Amino acid sequence: MKFQMNGCLILGTWDGANIEIAEETGVEEVFVFGVKAEEINQLRKERKDFKTDPRWNELMADIEGGMFGDKEYFKPLVDSVHNMKVGNDWFLLANDFADYLRAQEEVDACYKDQAEWTRRSIMYTAGSGKFSSDRTIREYAEDIWDVAPCRPSA
């Protein structure tokens, strides 16, 4: 949300704060990718039947082969997201990978159009008012802490 307030365009998954930002800024202004939050539990159950994108497999092979540094250092990471044992890839990175690449292409195209990039940046900042700390503290005080403001005495 701090990025949004400063006009930084967001490339992210369709969950959490990104949903709130899209509601305030406009869904068409946000670069989102991946599965929706309500699909996650079912996809986790179906992990053993999931077929990874060939580009994902190529990237994992590059990491395993040491292209990005010490392959032993990265082995736990690769094992946790690629070698499909039951329970691996909890965050469904492989599921989202192809859609991430699509979204990144959308970001790249937008960046080449500086007028559009600037317009979106302005829309982000203009849509960030909901996320002020004043509103957040007021809502916490009312909804969570059950406290009321205290008027200063004269």
N, C-alpha and C. Protein backbone atom coordinates (compact mmCIF):
# COMPACT_ATOMS: atom_id res chain seq x y z
N MET A 1 0.83 -1.19 0.00
CA MET A 1 0.00 0.00 0.00
C MET A 1 0.87 1.25 0.00
N LYS A 2 2.02 1.16 0.65
CA LYS A 2 2.94 2.30 0.63
C LYS A 2 3.46 2.53 -0.78
N PHE A 3 3.71 1.44 -1.50
CA PHE A 3 4.13 1.58 -2.88
C PHE A 3 3.04 2.30 -3.68
N GLN A 4 1.79 1.88 -3.48
CA GLN A 4 0.67 2.49 -4.19
C GLN A 4 0.60 3.98 -3.90
N MET A 5 0.73 4.37 -2.64
CA MET A 5 0.64 5.78 -2.27
C MET A 5 1.71 6.62 -2.97
N ASN A 6 2.81 5.97 -3.30
CA ASN A 6 3.90 6.67 -3.97
C ASN A 6 3.87 6.50 -5.49
N GLY A 7 2.77 5.96 -6.00
CA GLY A 7 2.59 5.86 -7.44
C GLY A 7 3.31 4.70 -8.10
N CYS A 8 3.79 3.74 -7.30
CA CYS A 8 4.47 2.57 -7.86
C CYS A 8 3.43 1.57 -8.35
N LEU A 9 3.54 1.16 -9.58
CA LEU A 9 2.60 0.19 -10.13
C LEU A 9 2.89 -1.19 -9.54
N ILE A 10 1.84 -1.95 -9.37
CA ILE A 10 1.95 -3.23 -8.67
C ILE A 10 1.77 -4.39 -9.64
N LEU A 11 2.69 -5.33 -9.53
CA LEU A 11 2.59 -6.62 -10.21
C LEU A 11 2.51 -7.64 -9.10
N GLY A 12 1.35 -8.27 -8.94
CA GLY A 12 1.20 -9.19 -7.82
C GLY A 12 0.07 -10.18 -8.01
N THR A 13 -0.01 -11.10 -7.09
CA THR A 13 -1.07 -12.11 -7.13
C THR A 13 -2.40 -11.49 -6.72
N TRP A 14 -3.46 -12.15 -7.06
CA TRP A 14 -4.82 -11.67 -6.82
C TRP A 14 -5.27 -12.10 -5.43
N ASP A 15 -4.71 -11.43 -4.42
CA ASP A 15 -5.09 -11.74 -3.04
C ASP A 15 -4.72 -10.57 -2.14
N GLY A 16 -5.18 -10.64 -0.91
CA GLY A 16 -4.82 -9.68 0.13
C GLY A 16 -4.94 -8.23 -0.26
N ALA A 17 -3.87 -7.50 0.01
CA ALA A 17 -3.86 -6.06 -0.22
C ALA A 17 -4.03 -5.72 -1.69
N ASN A 18 -3.57 -6.58 -2.58
CA ASN A 18 -3.71 -6.29 -4.01
C ASN A 18 -5.18 -6.19 -4.42
N ILE A 19 -6.03 -6.98 -3.81
CA ILE A 19 -7.47 -6.90 -4.10
C ILE A 19 -8.00 -5.55 -3.62
N GLU A 20 -7.62 -5.15 -2.41
CA GLU A 20 -8.08 -3.86 -1.89
C GLU A 20 -7.58 -2.71 -2.74
N ILE A 21 -6.34 -2.77 -3.18
CA ILE A 21 -5.78 -1.72 -4.02
C ILE A 21 -6.53 -1.67 -5.35
N ALA A 22 -6.81 -2.82 -5.93
CA ALA A 22 -7.55 -2.85 -7.20
C ALA A 22 -8.95 -2.27 -7.03
N GLU A 23 -9.58 -2.53 -5.90
CA GLU A 23 -10.91 -1.97 -5.65
C GLU A 23 -10.88 -0.45 -5.60
N GLU A 24 -9.82 0.12 -5.08
CA GLU A 24 -9.71 1.57 -4.94
C GLU A 24 -9.17 2.24 -6.21
N THR A 25 -8.25 1.58 -6.87
CA THR A 25 -7.57 2.17 -8.03
C THR A 25 -8.27 1.83 -9.33
N GLY A 26 -8.89 0.67 -9.37
CA GLY A 26 -9.50 0.15 -10.59
C GLY A 26 -8.79 -1.13 -10.99
N VAL A 27 -9.54 -2.20 -11.16
CA VAL A 27 -8.95 -3.50 -11.49
C VAL A 27 -8.11 -3.41 -12.75
N GLU A 28 -8.56 -2.61 -13.71
CA GLU A 28 -7.85 -2.50 -14.98
C GLU A 28 -6.49 -1.81 -14.85
N GLU A 29 -6.23 -1.19 -13.72
CA GLU A 29 -4.97 -0.47 -13.51
C GLU A 29 -3.89 -1.35 -12.88
N VAL A 30 -4.27 -2.50 -12.33
CA VAL A 30 -3.36 -3.33 -11.57
C VAL A 30 -2.92 -4.52 -12.42
N PHE A 31 -1.66 -4.86 -12.34
CA PHE A 31 -1.12 -6.02 -13.05
C PHE A 31 -1.20 -7.21 -12.10
N VAL A 32 -2.16 -8.09 -12.33
CA VAL A 32 -2.33 -9.26 -11.46
C VAL A 32 -2.10 -10.54 -12.24
N PHE A 33 -1.71 -11.55 -11.51
CA PHE A 33 -1.49 -12.86 -12.12
C PHE A 33 -1.83 -13.93 -11.11
N GLY A 34 -1.97 -15.13 -11.60
CA GLY A 34 -2.11 -16.28 -10.72
C GLY A 34 -3.54 -16.64 -10.38
N VAL A 35 -3.64 -17.68 -9.59
CA VAL A 35 -4.95 -18.20 -9.20
C VAL A 35 -5.59 -17.28 -8.17
N LYS A 36 -6.88 -17.33 -8.10
CA LYS A 36 -7.62 -16.54 -7.12
C LYS A 36 -7.58 -17.27 -5.77
N ALA A 37 -7.70 -16.51 -4.70
CA ALA A 37 -7.59 -17.05 -3.35
C ALA A 37 -8.54 -18.23 -3.13
N GLU A 38 -9.76 -18.13 -3.67
CA GLU A 38 -10.74 -19.20 -3.43
C GLU A 38 -10.40 -20.51 -4.16
N GLU A 39 -9.43 -20.50 -5.07
CA GLU A 39 -9.03 -21.70 -5.81
C GLU A 39 -7.89 -22.46 -5.13
N ILE A 40 -7.23 -21.83 -4.18
CA ILE A 40 -5.98 -22.35 -3.64
C ILE A 40 -6.15 -23.71 -2.96
N ASN A 41 -7.13 -23.86 -2.09
CA ASN A 41 -7.27 -25.12 -1.36
C ASN A 41 -7.48 -26.29 -2.31
N GLN A 42 -8.30 -26.11 -3.33
CA GLN A 42 -8.54 -27.19 -4.29
C GLN A 42 -7.26 -27.52 -5.06
N LEU A 43 -6.54 -26.49 -5.48
CA LEU A 43 -5.29 -26.73 -6.22
C LEU A 43 -4.26 -27.46 -5.37
N ARG A 44 -4.21 -27.16 -4.10
CA ARG A 44 -3.27 -27.86 -3.22
C ARG A 44 -3.62 -29.34 -3.13
N LYS A 45 -4.89 -29.66 -3.16
CA LYS A 45 -5.32 -31.07 -3.13
C LYS A 45 -4.92 -31.79 -4.41
N GLU A 46 -4.85 -31.04 -5.51
CA GLU A 46 -4.59 -31.63 -6.82
C GLU A 46 -3.11 -31.59 -7.21
N ARG A 47 -2.21 -31.31 -6.29
CA ARG A 47 -0.79 -31.13 -6.61
C ARG A 47 -0.20 -32.30 -7.37
N LYS A 48 -0.52 -33.51 -6.99
CA LYS A 48 0.14 -34.67 -7.61
C LYS A 48 -0.19 -34.80 -9.09
N ASP A 49 -1.30 -34.22 -9.54
CA ASP A 49 -1.69 -34.31 -10.95
C ASP A 49 -1.26 -33.09 -11.76
N PHE A 50 -0.62 -32.12 -11.13
CA PHE A 50 -0.28 -30.88 -11.81
C PHE A 50 0.91 -31.07 -12.75
N LYS A 51 0.79 -30.55 -13.95
CA LYS A 51 1.86 -30.59 -14.94
C LYS A 51 2.46 -29.19 -15.05
N THR A 52 3.74 -29.07 -14.78
CA THR A 52 4.39 -27.77 -14.78
C THR A 52 4.65 -27.29 -16.21
N ASP A 53 4.69 -25.96 -16.36
CA ASP A 53 4.99 -25.31 -17.62
C ASP A 53 6.45 -25.63 -18.00
N PRO A 54 6.72 -25.91 -19.27
CA PRO A 54 8.10 -26.22 -19.68
C PRO A 54 9.09 -25.11 -19.33
N ARG A 55 8.65 -23.86 -19.35
CA ARG A 55 9.55 -22.75 -18.99
C ARG A 55 9.91 -22.80 -17.51
N TRP A 56 8.97 -23.25 -16.68
CA TRP A 56 9.24 -23.43 -15.25
C TRP A 56 10.31 -24.51 -15.08
N ASN A 57 10.12 -25.62 -15.80
CA ASN A 57 11.07 -26.72 -15.71
C ASN A 57 12.47 -26.28 -16.15
N GLU A 58 12.54 -25.48 -17.19
CA GLU A 58 13.81 -24.97 -17.68
C GLU A 58 14.48 -24.07 -16.63
N LEU A 59 13.69 -23.20 -16.01
CA LEU A 59 14.23 -22.33 -14.98
C LEU A 59 14.75 -23.14 -13.80
N MET A 60 13.98 -24.11 -13.36
CA MET A 60 14.41 -24.94 -12.23
C MET A 60 15.69 -25.70 -12.59
N ALA A 61 15.79 -26.19 -13.82
CA ALA A 61 17.01 -26.89 -14.26
C ALA A 61 18.20 -25.94 -14.24
N ASP A 62 17.99 -24.70 -14.66
CA ASP A 62 19.07 -23.71 -14.62
C ASP A 62 19.53 -23.45 -13.20
N ILE A 63 18.58 -23.33 -12.28
CA ILE A 63 18.94 -23.09 -10.87
C ILE A 63 19.66 -24.32 -10.32
N GLU A 64 19.10 -25.50 -10.59
CA GLU A 64 19.73 -26.74 -10.11
C GLU A 64 21.12 -26.93 -10.69
N GLY A 65 21.33 -26.43 -11.91
CA GLY A 65 22.62 -26.58 -12.57
C GLY A 65 23.66 -25.57 -12.13
N GLY A 66 23.28 -24.62 -11.30
CA GLY A 66 24.24 -23.66 -10.78
C GLY A 66 24.34 -22.36 -11.56
N MET A 67 23.43 -22.10 -12.48
CA MET A 67 23.50 -20.88 -13.28
C MET A 67 23.46 -19.61 -12.43
N PHE A 68 22.78 -19.65 -11.30
CA PHE A 68 22.61 -18.46 -10.47
C PHE A 68 23.45 -18.50 -9.20
N GLY A 69 24.38 -19.42 -9.13
CA GLY A 69 25.22 -19.52 -7.94
C GLY A 69 25.32 -20.96 -7.48
N ASP A 70 25.80 -21.13 -6.29
CA ASP A 70 26.04 -22.43 -5.69
C ASP A 70 24.77 -23.28 -5.71
N LYS A 71 24.81 -24.35 -6.50
CA LYS A 71 23.59 -25.18 -6.64
C LYS A 71 23.19 -25.87 -5.34
N GLU A 72 24.14 -26.15 -4.47
CA GLU A 72 23.81 -26.76 -3.18
C GLU A 72 23.06 -25.76 -2.30
N TYR A 73 23.41 -24.49 -2.41
CA TYR A 73 22.74 -23.44 -1.65
C TYR A 73 21.27 -23.35 -2.04
N PHE A 74 20.98 -23.49 -3.34
CA PHE A 74 19.62 -23.36 -3.84
C PHE A 74 18.82 -24.66 -3.83
N LYS A 75 19.49 -25.79 -3.51
CA LYS A 75 18.80 -27.09 -3.54
C LYS A 75 17.54 -27.13 -2.67
N PRO A 76 17.57 -26.65 -1.42
CA PRO A 76 16.34 -26.69 -0.62
C PRO A 76 15.20 -25.88 -1.26
N LEU A 77 15.53 -24.76 -1.86
CA LEU A 77 14.51 -23.95 -2.54
C LEU A 77 13.90 -24.72 -3.70
N VAL A 78 14.74 -25.27 -4.54
CA VAL A 78 14.25 -26.02 -5.71
C VAL A 78 13.42 -27.22 -5.25
N ASP A 79 13.92 -27.94 -4.26
CA ASP A 79 13.18 -29.10 -3.75
C ASP A 79 11.81 -28.70 -3.21
N SER A 80 11.73 -27.52 -2.60
CA SER A 80 10.46 -27.10 -1.99
C SER A 80 9.42 -26.66 -3.00
N VAL A 81 9.83 -26.29 -4.20
CA VAL A 81 8.85 -25.79 -5.16
C VAL A 81 8.79 -26.58 -6.46
N HIS A 82 9.73 -27.48 -6.67
CA HIS A 82 9.75 -28.13 -7.98
C HIS A 82 9.66 -29.65 -7.94
N ASN A 83 10.39 -30.28 -7.10
CA ASN A 83 10.37 -31.74 -7.06
C ASN A 83 9.09 -32.17 -6.36
N MET A 84 8.07 -32.46 -7.16
CA MET A 84 6.69 -32.59 -6.69
C MET A 84 6.45 -33.78 -5.78
N LYS A 85 6.81 -33.58 -4.55
CA LYS A 85 6.45 -34.52 -3.50
C LYS A 85 5.17 -33.97 -2.86
N VAL A 86 4.47 -34.79 -2.14
CA VAL A 86 3.24 -34.32 -1.50
C VAL A 86 3.58 -33.16 -0.56
N GLY A 87 2.84 -32.07 -0.71
CA GLY A 87 3.02 -30.92 0.15
C GLY A 87 3.98 -29.88 -0.39
N ASN A 88 4.72 -30.18 -1.45
CA ASN A 88 5.65 -29.20 -2.00
C ASN A 88 4.92 -28.11 -2.74
N ASP A 89 5.60 -27.01 -2.91
CA ASP A 89 5.09 -25.83 -3.61
C ASP A 89 3.79 -25.34 -2.96
N TRP A 90 3.83 -25.17 -1.65
CA TRP A 90 2.68 -24.74 -0.87
C TRP A 90 2.07 -23.45 -1.41
N PHE A 91 2.92 -22.55 -1.90
CA PHE A 91 2.44 -21.26 -2.38
C PHE A 91 2.09 -21.28 -3.87
N LEU A 92 2.11 -22.45 -4.49
CA LEU A 92 1.68 -22.67 -5.87
C LEU A 92 2.44 -21.81 -6.88
N LEU A 93 3.73 -21.67 -6.66
CA LEU A 93 4.56 -20.89 -7.57
C LEU A 93 4.51 -21.45 -8.98
N ALA A 94 4.59 -22.76 -9.12
CA ALA A 94 4.56 -23.37 -10.44
C ALA A 94 3.23 -23.11 -11.14
N ASN A 95 2.15 -23.13 -10.37
CA ASN A 95 0.83 -22.86 -10.96
C ASN A 95 0.77 -21.46 -11.55
N ASP A 96 1.36 -20.50 -10.84
CA ASP A 96 1.26 -19.09 -11.24
C ASP A 96 2.30 -18.65 -12.26
N PHE A 97 3.30 -19.48 -12.51
CA PHE A 97 4.46 -19.05 -13.29
C PHE A 97 4.10 -18.57 -14.69
N ALA A 98 3.36 -19.35 -15.45
CA ALA A 98 3.02 -18.95 -16.82
C ALA A 98 2.21 -17.65 -16.83
N ASP A 99 1.29 -17.51 -15.89
CA ASP A 99 0.49 -16.29 -15.83
C ASP A 99 1.34 -15.11 -15.37
N TYR A 100 2.34 -15.38 -14.51
CA TYR A 100 3.27 -14.31 -14.14
C TYR A 100 4.01 -13.79 -15.37
N LEU A 101 4.48 -14.69 -16.21
CA LEU A 101 5.19 -14.27 -17.42
C LEU A 101 4.28 -13.42 -18.31
N ARG A 102 3.01 -13.80 -18.42
CA ARG A 102 2.05 -13.02 -19.20
C ARG A 102 1.90 -11.63 -18.61
N ALA A 103 1.74 -11.56 -17.30
CA ALA A 103 1.56 -10.27 -16.64
C ALA A 103 2.82 -9.41 -16.78
N GLN A 104 3.98 -10.03 -16.71
CA GLN A 104 5.22 -9.27 -16.86
C GLN A 104 5.32 -8.68 -18.26
N GLU A 105 4.85 -9.40 -19.26
CA GLU A 105 4.82 -8.86 -20.63
C GLU A 105 3.89 -7.65 -20.70
N GLU A 106 2.78 -7.70 -19.98
CA GLU A 106 1.85 -6.58 -19.91
C GLU A 106 2.52 -5.36 -19.26
N VAL A 107 3.28 -5.60 -18.19
CA VAL A 107 4.02 -4.53 -17.52
C VAL A 107 5.02 -3.91 -18.49
N ASP A 108 5.77 -4.76 -19.18
CA ASP A 108 6.78 -4.27 -20.12
C ASP A 108 6.16 -3.42 -21.21
N ALA A 109 5.03 -3.85 -21.74
CA ALA A 109 4.35 -3.08 -22.79
C ALA A 109 3.86 -1.73 -22.26
N CYS A 110 3.33 -1.74 -21.06
CA CYS A 110 2.85 -0.50 -20.45
C CYS A 110 4.00 0.46 -20.20
N TYR A 111 5.12 -0.05 -19.76
CA TYR A 111 6.28 0.80 -19.46
C TYR A 111 6.79 1.50 -20.72
N LYS A 112 6.67 0.84 -21.85
CA LYS A 112 7.10 1.45 -23.12
C LYS A 112 6.22 2.63 -23.50
N ASP A 113 5.00 2.65 -23.00
CA ASP A 113 4.06 3.75 -23.25
C ASP A 113 4.12 4.66 -22.02
N GLN A 114 5.05 5.60 -22.02
CA GLN A 114 5.29 6.42 -20.83
C GLN A 114 4.07 7.23 -20.40
N ALA A 115 3.25 7.66 -21.35
CA ALA A 115 2.03 8.40 -20.99
C ALA A 115 1.08 7.50 -20.20
N GLU A 116 0.93 6.26 -20.63
CA GLU A 116 0.06 5.31 -19.92
C GLU A 116 0.65 4.95 -18.56
N TRP A 117 1.95 4.74 -18.51
CA TRP A 117 2.62 4.42 -17.25
C TRP A 117 2.41 5.56 -16.24
N THR A 118 2.58 6.78 -16.71
CA THR A 118 2.42 7.95 -15.84
C THR A 118 0.96 8.09 -15.40
N ARG A 119 0.02 7.88 -16.32
CA ARG A 119 -1.40 7.96 -15.98
C ARG A 119 -1.74 6.96 -14.88
N ARG A 120 -1.28 5.73 -15.04
CA ARG A 120 -1.55 4.70 -14.03
C ARG A 120 -0.92 5.07 -12.69
N SER A 121 0.28 5.59 -12.73
CA SER A 121 0.96 5.99 -11.51
C SER A 121 0.14 7.04 -10.76
N ILE A 122 -0.40 7.99 -11.49
CA ILE A 122 -1.24 9.03 -10.89
C ILE A 122 -2.52 8.41 -10.33
N MET A 123 -3.11 7.49 -11.06
CA MET A 123 -4.33 6.81 -10.59
C MET A 123 -4.06 6.03 -9.30
N TYR A 124 -2.89 5.41 -9.20
CA TYR A 124 -2.53 4.69 -7.98
C TYR A 124 -2.51 5.63 -6.79
N THR A 125 -1.80 6.74 -6.96
CA THR A 125 -1.70 7.70 -5.85
C THR A 125 -3.07 8.25 -5.50
N ALA A 126 -3.85 8.61 -6.52
CA ALA A 126 -5.18 9.18 -6.28
C ALA A 126 -6.11 8.18 -5.59
N GLY A 127 -5.92 6.90 -5.83
CA GLY A 127 -6.78 5.87 -5.23
C GLY A 127 -6.29 5.36 -3.89
N SER A 128 -5.29 5.98 -3.31
CA SER A 128 -4.69 5.43 -2.10
C SER A 128 -5.25 6.01 -0.80
N GLY A 129 -6.19 6.93 -0.88
CA GLY A 129 -6.69 7.60 0.32
C GLY A 129 -7.25 6.66 1.37
N LYS A 130 -7.88 5.59 0.96
CA LYS A 130 -8.47 4.64 1.92
C LYS A 130 -7.42 4.08 2.88
N PHE A 131 -6.19 4.04 2.46
CA PHE A 131 -5.16 3.35 3.23
C PHE A 131 -4.40 4.28 4.17
N SER A 132 -4.98 5.42 4.49
CA SER A 132 -4.30 6.35 5.41
C SER A 132 -4.24 5.74 6.81
N SER A 133 -3.22 6.11 7.55
CA SER A 133 -3.10 5.59 8.92
C SER A 133 -4.22 6.12 9.81
N ASP A 134 -4.72 7.33 9.55
CA ASP A 134 -5.82 7.88 10.35
C ASP A 134 -7.05 6.97 10.28
N ARG A 135 -7.43 6.57 9.07
CA ARG A 135 -8.59 5.70 8.91
C ARG A 135 -8.34 4.35 9.57
N THR A 136 -7.17 3.81 9.36
CA THR A 136 -6.85 2.49 9.91
C THR A 136 -6.91 2.50 11.43
N ILE A 137 -6.31 3.50 12.05
CA ILE A 137 -6.33 3.59 13.52
C ILE A 137 -7.75 3.79 14.02
N ARG A 138 -8.54 4.62 13.35
CA ARG A 138 -9.94 4.84 13.75
C ARG A 138 -10.72 3.53 13.67
N GLU A 139 -10.55 2.76 12.59
CA GLU A 139 -11.26 1.49 12.47
C GLU A 139 -10.81 0.48 13.53
N TYR A 140 -9.52 0.40 13.80
CA TYR A 140 -9.03 -0.49 14.85
C TYR A 140 -9.63 -0.08 16.20
N ALA A 141 -9.63 1.21 16.46
CA ALA A 141 -10.17 1.69 17.74
C ALA A 141 -11.63 1.29 17.90
N GLU A 142 -12.42 1.44 16.83
CA GLU A 142 -13.85 1.13 16.89
C GLU A 142 -14.13 -0.37 16.83
N ASP A 143 -13.51 -1.06 15.90
CA ASP A 143 -13.87 -2.45 15.61
C ASP A 143 -13.09 -3.50 16.40
N ILE A 144 -11.89 -3.18 16.82
CA ILE A 144 -11.05 -4.19 17.46
C ILE A 144 -10.81 -3.85 18.93
N TRP A 145 -10.36 -2.62 19.20
CA TRP A 145 -10.01 -2.24 20.56
C TRP A 145 -11.22 -1.79 21.37
N ASP A 146 -12.31 -1.44 20.70
CA ASP A 146 -13.53 -0.96 21.36
C ASP A 146 -13.23 0.22 22.28
N VAL A 147 -12.55 1.22 21.72
CA VAL A 147 -12.25 2.45 22.46
C VAL A 147 -12.78 3.64 21.66
N ALA A 148 -13.06 4.71 22.38
CA ALA A 148 -13.58 5.94 21.74
C ALA A 148 -12.55 7.04 21.90
N PRO A 149 -12.54 7.99 20.98
CA PRO A 149 -11.59 9.10 21.11
C PRO A 149 -11.89 9.92 22.37
N CYS A 150 -10.87 10.49 22.87
CA CYS A 150 -10.96 11.30 24.09
C CYS A 150 -10.73 12.75 23.69
N ARG A 151 -11.69 13.60 24.04
CA ARG A 151 -11.57 15.03 23.71
C ARG A 151 -10.65 15.70 24.74
N PRO A 152 -9.72 16.52 24.27
CA PRO A 152 -8.85 17.23 25.23
C PRO A 152 -9.65 18.26 26.01
N SER A 153 -9.30 18.42 27.27
CA SER A 153 -10.00 19.42 28.08
C SER A 153 -9.39 20.79 27.84
N ALA A 154 -10.19 21.83 28.02
CA ALA A 154 -9.73 23.19 27.75
C ALA A 154 -8.91 23.77 28.87
